[in-house]
């Protein structure tokens, strides 16, 4: 039996081997439930908004500092 399996695997091309290994790995994945996925999506969106505001404030402050330094005579 082992020889047949080895012979069958030898005749596989790279794409077939990739597909077989990928589907095997995906069966091992622990997929999140819908509530977990929704909670994590909300968390990602919240972090994006907070970082956007933070970067916007830092950009404005940096621009004002540069303008003050340029306008100093």
N, C-alpha and C. Protein backbone atom coordinates (compact mmCIF):
# COMPACT_ATOMS: atom_id res chain seq x y z
N UNK A 1 0.83 -1.19 0.00
CA UNK A 1 0.00 0.00 0.00
C UNK A 1 0.87 1.26 0.00
N UNK A 2 1.92 1.23 0.78
CA UNK A 2 2.80 2.40 0.88
C UNK A 2 3.48 2.68 -0.45
N UNK A 3 3.82 1.62 -1.18
CA UNK A 3 4.48 1.82 -2.48
C UNK A 3 3.52 2.47 -3.46
N UNK A 4 2.25 2.07 -3.44
CA UNK A 4 1.26 2.67 -4.34
C UNK A 4 1.11 4.16 -4.05
N UNK A 5 1.05 4.49 -2.77
CA UNK A 5 0.89 5.90 -2.38
C UNK A 5 2.11 6.71 -2.82
N UNK A 6 3.30 6.17 -2.63
CA UNK A 6 4.51 6.88 -3.05
C UNK A 6 4.54 7.08 -4.56
N UNK A 7 4.13 6.03 -5.29
CA UNK A 7 4.12 6.12 -6.74
C UNK A 7 3.10 7.16 -7.21
N UNK A 8 1.92 7.20 -6.56
CA UNK A 8 0.88 8.16 -6.92
C UNK A 8 1.37 9.58 -6.65
N UNK A 9 2.05 9.77 -5.56
CA UNK A 9 2.54 11.12 -5.22
C UNK A 9 3.66 11.55 -6.15
N UNK A 10 4.46 10.61 -6.61
CA UNK A 10 5.53 10.95 -7.55
C UNK A 10 4.96 11.46 -8.86
N UNK A 11 3.80 10.94 -9.26
CA UNK A 11 3.22 11.35 -10.54
C UNK A 11 2.47 12.67 -10.43
N UNK A 12 2.30 13.20 -9.21
CA UNK A 12 1.65 14.50 -9.05
C UNK A 12 2.55 15.61 -9.59
N UNK A 13 1.93 16.60 -10.18
CA UNK A 13 2.73 17.76 -10.56
C UNK A 13 2.71 18.75 -9.39
N UNK A 14 3.43 19.83 -9.51
CA UNK A 14 3.58 20.78 -8.41
C UNK A 14 2.25 21.41 -8.02
N UNK A 15 1.40 21.70 -8.99
CA UNK A 15 0.12 22.32 -8.70
C UNK A 15 -0.79 21.38 -7.92
N UNK A 16 -0.80 20.12 -8.31
CA UNK A 16 -1.61 19.14 -7.59
C UNK A 16 -1.12 18.97 -6.15
N UNK A 17 0.18 18.94 -5.98
CA UNK A 17 0.75 18.81 -4.65
C UNK A 17 0.40 20.03 -3.79
N UNK A 18 0.53 21.22 -4.37
CA UNK A 18 0.19 22.45 -3.67
C UNK A 18 -1.27 22.42 -3.23
N UNK A 19 -2.17 22.06 -4.13
CA UNK A 19 -3.60 22.03 -3.84
C UNK A 19 -3.90 21.03 -2.72
N UNK A 20 -3.32 19.85 -2.79
CA UNK A 20 -3.56 18.81 -1.78
C UNK A 20 -3.07 19.27 -0.41
N UNK A 21 -1.88 19.85 -0.37
CA UNK A 21 -1.33 20.30 0.91
C UNK A 21 -2.10 21.49 1.46
N UNK A 22 -2.53 22.41 0.58
CA UNK A 22 -3.27 23.58 1.03
C UNK A 22 -4.62 23.19 1.61
N UNK A 23 -5.36 22.33 0.92
CA UNK A 23 -6.67 21.91 1.44
C UNK A 23 -6.49 21.14 2.75
N UNK A 24 -5.43 20.37 2.87
CA UNK A 24 -5.16 19.67 4.12
C UNK A 24 -4.91 20.62 5.27
N UNK A 25 -4.16 21.68 5.01
CA UNK A 25 -3.88 22.66 6.06
C UNK A 25 -5.13 23.46 6.43
N UNK A 26 -5.95 23.81 5.44
CA UNK A 26 -7.16 24.57 5.72
C UNK A 26 -8.15 23.79 6.56
N UNK A 27 -8.11 22.48 6.50
CA UNK A 27 -8.99 21.66 7.35
C UNK A 27 -8.56 21.72 8.81
N UNK A 28 -7.31 22.07 9.06
CA UNK A 28 -6.79 22.15 10.42
C UNK A 28 -7.06 23.51 11.08
N UNK A 29 -7.47 24.50 10.29
CA UNK A 29 -7.66 25.86 10.80
C UNK A 29 -8.85 25.91 11.74
N UNK A 30 -8.70 26.65 12.82
CA UNK A 30 -9.80 26.87 13.75
C UNK A 30 -10.46 28.19 13.34
N UNK A 31 -11.55 28.11 12.59
CA UNK A 31 -12.21 29.30 12.07
C UNK A 31 -13.03 29.97 13.16
N UNK A 32 -13.06 31.32 13.21
CA UNK A 32 -13.84 32.01 14.24
C UNK A 32 -15.34 31.88 13.97
N UNK A 33 -16.11 31.98 15.04
CA UNK A 33 -17.56 31.99 14.89
C UNK A 33 -17.97 33.36 14.38
N UNK A 34 -19.24 33.48 13.94
CA UNK A 34 -19.71 34.77 13.43
C UNK A 34 -19.61 35.87 14.49
N UNK A 35 -20.03 35.65 15.73
CA UNK A 35 -19.88 36.72 16.73
C UNK A 35 -18.42 37.12 16.96
N UNK A 36 -17.52 36.15 16.97
CA UNK A 36 -16.10 36.47 17.14
C UNK A 36 -15.59 37.29 15.96
N UNK A 37 -15.97 36.90 14.76
CA UNK A 37 -15.52 37.62 13.56
C UNK A 37 -16.06 39.05 13.57
N UNK A 38 -17.31 39.24 13.95
CA UNK A 38 -17.91 40.57 13.98
C UNK A 38 -17.24 41.44 15.04
N UNK A 39 -16.97 40.86 16.22
CA UNK A 39 -16.32 41.61 17.30
C UNK A 39 -14.91 42.03 16.87
N UNK A 40 -14.18 41.14 16.24
CA UNK A 40 -12.83 41.47 15.79
C UNK A 40 -12.84 42.51 14.67
N UNK A 41 -13.86 42.43 13.80
CA UNK A 41 -14.00 43.43 12.73
C UNK A 41 -14.25 44.81 13.33
N UNK A 42 -15.12 44.88 14.33
CA UNK A 42 -15.38 46.15 15.00
C UNK A 42 -14.12 46.69 15.66
N UNK A 43 -13.35 45.81 16.26
CA UNK A 43 -12.10 46.22 16.90
C UNK A 43 -11.13 46.80 15.88
N UNK A 44 -11.01 46.16 14.74
CA UNK A 44 -10.11 46.65 13.68
C UNK A 44 -10.57 48.02 13.19
N UNK A 45 -11.88 48.18 12.98
CA UNK A 45 -12.40 49.47 12.52
C UNK A 45 -12.16 50.56 13.56
N UNK A 46 -12.36 50.24 14.84
CA UNK A 46 -12.11 51.21 15.91
C UNK A 46 -10.64 51.64 15.93
N UNK A 47 -9.74 50.68 15.84
CA UNK A 47 -8.31 51.00 15.84
C UNK A 47 -7.95 51.86 14.64
N UNK A 48 -8.56 51.57 13.48
CA UNK A 48 -8.29 52.38 12.28
C UNK A 48 -8.73 53.82 12.48
N UNK A 49 -9.91 54.02 13.06
CA UNK A 49 -10.42 55.37 13.30
C UNK A 49 -9.52 56.11 14.30
N UNK A 50 -9.18 55.44 15.40
CA UNK A 50 -8.34 56.07 16.42
C UNK A 50 -6.98 56.44 15.82
N UNK A 51 -6.38 55.54 15.06
CA UNK A 51 -5.08 55.84 14.46
C UNK A 51 -5.20 56.95 13.42
N UNK A 52 -6.30 56.98 12.68
CA UNK A 52 -6.51 58.05 11.70
C UNK A 52 -6.59 59.41 12.37
N UNK A 53 -7.34 59.48 13.48
CA UNK A 53 -7.43 60.74 14.22
C UNK A 53 -6.07 61.11 14.80
N UNK A 54 -5.39 60.14 15.40
CA UNK A 54 -4.08 60.41 15.97
C UNK A 54 -3.10 60.93 14.92
N UNK A 55 -3.05 60.27 13.78
CA UNK A 55 -2.12 60.70 12.73
C UNK A 55 -2.53 62.07 12.16
N UNK A 56 -3.82 62.32 12.07
CA UNK A 56 -4.27 63.63 11.61
C UNK A 56 -3.85 64.74 12.55
N UNK A 57 -4.00 64.50 13.86
CA UNK A 57 -3.58 65.49 14.86
C UNK A 57 -2.08 65.69 14.81
N UNK A 58 -1.33 64.60 14.73
CA UNK A 58 0.13 64.72 14.67
C UNK A 58 0.58 65.47 13.41
N UNK A 59 -0.10 65.23 12.29
CA UNK A 59 0.23 65.92 11.05
C UNK A 59 -0.02 67.42 11.19
N UNK A 60 -1.15 67.76 11.79
CA UNK A 60 -1.49 69.17 11.97
C UNK A 60 -0.48 69.85 12.91
N UNK A 61 -0.16 69.19 14.01
CA UNK A 61 0.83 69.75 14.93
C UNK A 61 2.20 69.90 14.26
N UNK A 62 2.60 68.91 13.52
CA UNK A 62 3.88 68.98 12.82
C UNK A 62 3.92 70.11 11.81
N UNK A 63 2.82 70.28 11.09
CA UNK A 63 2.74 71.35 10.11
C UNK A 63 2.83 72.71 10.79
N UNK A 64 2.15 72.86 11.93
CA UNK A 64 2.18 74.13 12.66
C UNK A 64 3.58 74.43 13.19
N UNK A 65 4.26 73.42 13.69
CA UNK A 65 5.63 73.61 14.19
C UNK A 65 6.55 74.04 13.05
N UNK A 66 6.44 73.39 11.90
CA UNK A 66 7.26 73.76 10.76
C UNK A 66 6.94 75.19 10.31
N UNK A 67 5.65 75.54 10.27
CA UNK A 67 5.28 76.90 9.89
C UNK A 67 5.84 77.92 10.87
N UNK A 68 5.82 77.61 12.17
CA UNK A 68 6.39 78.53 13.15
C UNK A 68 7.90 78.69 12.95
N UNK A 69 8.57 77.59 12.66
CA UNK A 69 10.02 77.66 12.45
C UNK A 69 10.38 78.41 11.18
N UNK A 70 9.59 78.25 10.15
CA UNK A 70 9.85 78.93 8.87
C UNK A 70 9.58 80.42 8.98
N UNK A 71 8.53 80.78 9.69
CA UNK A 71 8.12 82.18 9.78
C UNK A 71 8.89 82.98 10.82
N UNK A 72 9.77 82.34 11.58
CA UNK A 72 10.56 83.04 12.58
C UNK A 72 11.60 83.89 11.86
N UNK A 73 11.65 85.22 12.22
CA UNK A 73 12.61 86.11 11.57
C UNK A 73 13.48 86.80 12.57
